Amino acid sequence: MSFPSALGPWYVVQRINYSGLDVPLYMEYYQHAEEGDGLWTGDKKVALLFMSIQQAARVAQAETAEVRVLTTKEEAREFGRS
């Protein structure tokens, strides 16, 4: 498996969860939706990694989210890819 680099980055779609005043804010990550699952998860290890900025941007725009760019092996490890 190759790792992301400055010339071949990976992209993650993420957003901050604003679920309520009593619940602390936390980051959610877009995931591949299986039957019965939601589109968002707090688990980085199941976040969907995009290889195309165009695909990630389309999802982020549709979901009112942002795109995070991964360019190092350490960032890939953060998302459970090592």
C-alpha atoms as a PDB file:
ATOM      1  CA  MET A   1       0.000   0.000   0.000  1.00  0.00           C
ATOM      2  CA  SER A   2       1.352   3.407  -0.883  1.00  0.00           C
ATOM      3  CA  PHE A   3       1.045   6.371   1.430  1.00  0.00           C
ATOM      4  CA  PRO A   4      -0.096   9.920   0.745  1.00  0.00           C
ATOM      5  CA  SER A   5       2.465  12.495  -0.304  1.00  0.00           C
ATOM      6  CA  ALA A   6       2.507  16.120  -1.388  1.00  0.00           C
ATOM      7  CA  LEU A   7       2.237  14.947  -5.008  1.00  0.00           C
ATOM      8  CA  GLY A   8      -0.386  12.279  -4.290  1.00  0.00           C
ATOM      9  CA  PRO A   9      -2.473  13.400  -1.311  1.00  0.00           C
ATOM     10  CA  TRP A  10      -5.479  11.648   0.191  1.00  0.00           C
ATOM     11  CA  TYR A  11      -8.604  13.544   1.201  1.00  0.00           C
ATOM     12  CA  VAL A  12     -11.019  13.125   4.105  1.00  0.00           C
ATOM     13  CA  VAL A  13     -14.403  14.860   4.378  1.00  0.00           C
ATOM     14  CA  GLN A  14     -15.067  16.023   7.934  1.00  0.00           C
ATOM     15  CA  ARG A  15     -17.374  18.270   9.896  1.00  0.00           C
ATOM     16  CA  ILE A  16     -17.894  19.393  13.465  1.00  0.00           C
ATOM     17  CA  ASN A  17     -20.927  17.840  15.155  1.00  0.00           C
ATOM     18  CA  TYR A  18     -23.194  20.470  16.722  1.00  0.00           C
ATOM     19  CA  SER A  19     -25.591  18.004  18.362  1.00  0.00           C
ATOM     20  CA  GLY A  20     -26.582  20.180  21.278  1.00  0.00           C
ATOM     21  CA  LEU A  21     -25.536  22.624  23.963  1.00  0.00           C
ATOM     22  CA  ASP A  22     -24.975  19.915  26.591  1.00  0.00           C
ATOM     23  CA  VAL A  23     -22.817  17.730  24.326  1.00  0.00           C
ATOM     24  CA  PRO A  24     -19.201  18.719  23.630  1.00  0.00           C
ATOM     25  CA  LEU A  25     -18.285  19.411  20.017  1.00  0.00           C
ATOM     26  CA  TYR A  26     -16.469  16.646  18.179  1.00  0.00           C
ATOM     27  CA  MET A  27     -15.251  15.924  14.671  1.00  0.00           C
ATOM     28  CA  GLU A  28     -17.188  13.513  12.456  1.00  0.00           C
ATOM     29  CA  TYR A  29     -15.858  11.840   9.328  1.00  0.00           C
ATOM     30  CA  TYR A  30     -17.704  10.817   6.168  1.00  0.00           C
ATOM     31  CA  GLN A  31     -17.860   7.039   5.712  1.00  0.00           C
ATOM     32  CA  HIS A  32     -19.109   4.616   3.119  1.00  0.00           C
ATOM     33  CA  ALA A  33     -22.756   4.013   4.008  1.00  0.00           C
ATOM     34  CA  GLU A  34     -23.640   0.390   4.598  1.00  0.00           C
ATOM     35  CA  GLU A  35     -27.266  -0.612   4.993  1.00  0.00           C
ATOM     36  CA  GLY A  36     -28.510   0.754   8.305  1.00  0.00           C
ATOM     37  CA  ASP A  37     -25.415   2.868   8.952  1.00  0.00           C
ATOM     38  CA  GLY A  38     -25.299   6.639   8.842  1.00  0.00           C
ATOM     39  CA  LEU A  39     -22.989   8.633   6.620  1.00  0.00           C
ATOM     40  CA  TRP A  40     -21.013  10.103   9.528  1.00  0.00           C
ATOM     41  CA  THR A  41     -18.826   8.497  12.176  1.00  0.00           C
ATOM     42  CA  GLY A  42     -16.590   9.661  14.984  1.00  0.00           C
ATOM     43  CA  ASP A  43     -14.172   6.790  14.280  1.00  0.00           C
ATOM     44  CA  LYS A  44     -11.270   7.925  12.094  1.00  0.00           C
ATOM     45  CA  LYS A  45     -10.380   4.336  11.235  1.00  0.00           C
ATOM     46  CA  VAL A  46     -13.542   3.860   9.148  1.00  0.00           C
ATOM     47  CA  ALA A  47     -13.458   7.278   7.465  1.00  0.00           C
ATOM     48  CA  LEU A  48     -13.662   7.133   3.686  1.00  0.00           C
ATOM     49  CA  LEU A  49     -10.413   8.231   2.028  1.00  0.00           C
ATOM     50  CA  PHE A  50     -10.783   9.968  -1.307  1.00  0.00           C
ATOM     51  CA  MET A  51      -8.011   9.936  -3.890  1.00  0.00           C
ATOM     52  CA  SER A  52      -9.625  12.729  -5.921  1.00  0.00           C
ATOM     53  CA  ILE A  53     -10.082  16.306  -4.709  1.00  0.00           C
ATOM     54  CA  GLN A  54     -13.062  16.654  -7.051  1.00  0.00           C
ATOM     55  CA  GLN A  55     -14.935  13.759  -5.424  1.00  0.00           C
ATOM     56  CA  ALA A  56     -14.114  14.939  -1.902  1.00  0.00           C
ATOM     57  CA  ALA A  57     -15.182  18.498  -2.743  1.00  0.00           C
ATOM     58  CA  ARG A  58     -18.522  17.334  -4.186  1.00  0.00           C
ATOM     59  CA  VAL A  59     -19.305  15.362  -1.038  1.00  0.00           C
ATOM     60  CA  ALA A  60     -18.166  18.198   1.240  1.00  0.00           C
ATOM     61  CA  GLN A  61     -20.318  20.717  -0.617  1.00  0.00           C
ATOM     62  CA  ALA A  62     -23.376  18.452  -0.527  1.00  0.00           C
ATOM     63  CA  GLU A  63     -22.923  17.712   3.185  1.00  0.00           C
ATOM     64  CA  THR A  64     -21.863  21.218   4.314  1.00  0.00           C
ATOM     65  CA  ALA A  65     -18.506  19.881   5.452  1.00  0.00           C
ATOM     66  CA  GLU A  66     -14.818  20.507   4.791  1.00  0.00           C
ATOM     67  CA  VAL A  67     -12.022  18.600   3.085  1.00  0.00           C
ATOM     68  CA  ARG A  68      -8.874  17.680   5.000  1.00  0.00           C
ATOM     69  CA  VAL A  69      -5.750  16.895   2.969  1.00  0.00           C
ATOM     70  CA  LEU A  70      -3.447  14.086   4.116  1.00  0.00           C
ATOM     71  CA  THR A  71       0.125  14.281   2.808  1.00  0.00           C
ATOM     72  CA  THR A  72       2.246  12.190   5.188  1.00  0.00           C
ATOM     73  CA  LYS A  73       2.544   8.629   6.445  1.00  0.00           C
ATOM     74  CA  GLU A  74       1.859   9.887   9.987  1.00  0.00           C
ATOM     75  CA  GLU A  75      -1.441  11.412   8.908  1.00  0.00           C
ATOM     76  CA  ALA A  76      -2.373   8.104   7.242  1.00  0.00           C
ATOM     77  CA  ARG A  77      -1.633   6.285  10.532  1.00  0.00           C
ATOM     78  CA  GLU A  78      -4.012   8.667  12.327  1.00  0.00           C
ATOM     79  CA  PHE A  79      -6.752   7.227  10.100  1.00  0.00           C
ATOM     80  CA  GLY A  80      -5.705   3.617  10.710  1.00  0.00           C
ATOM     81  CA  ARG A  81      -3.815   3.165   7.450  1.00  0.00           C
ATOM     82  CA  SER A  82      -0.273   2.022   8.108  1.00  0.00           C
END
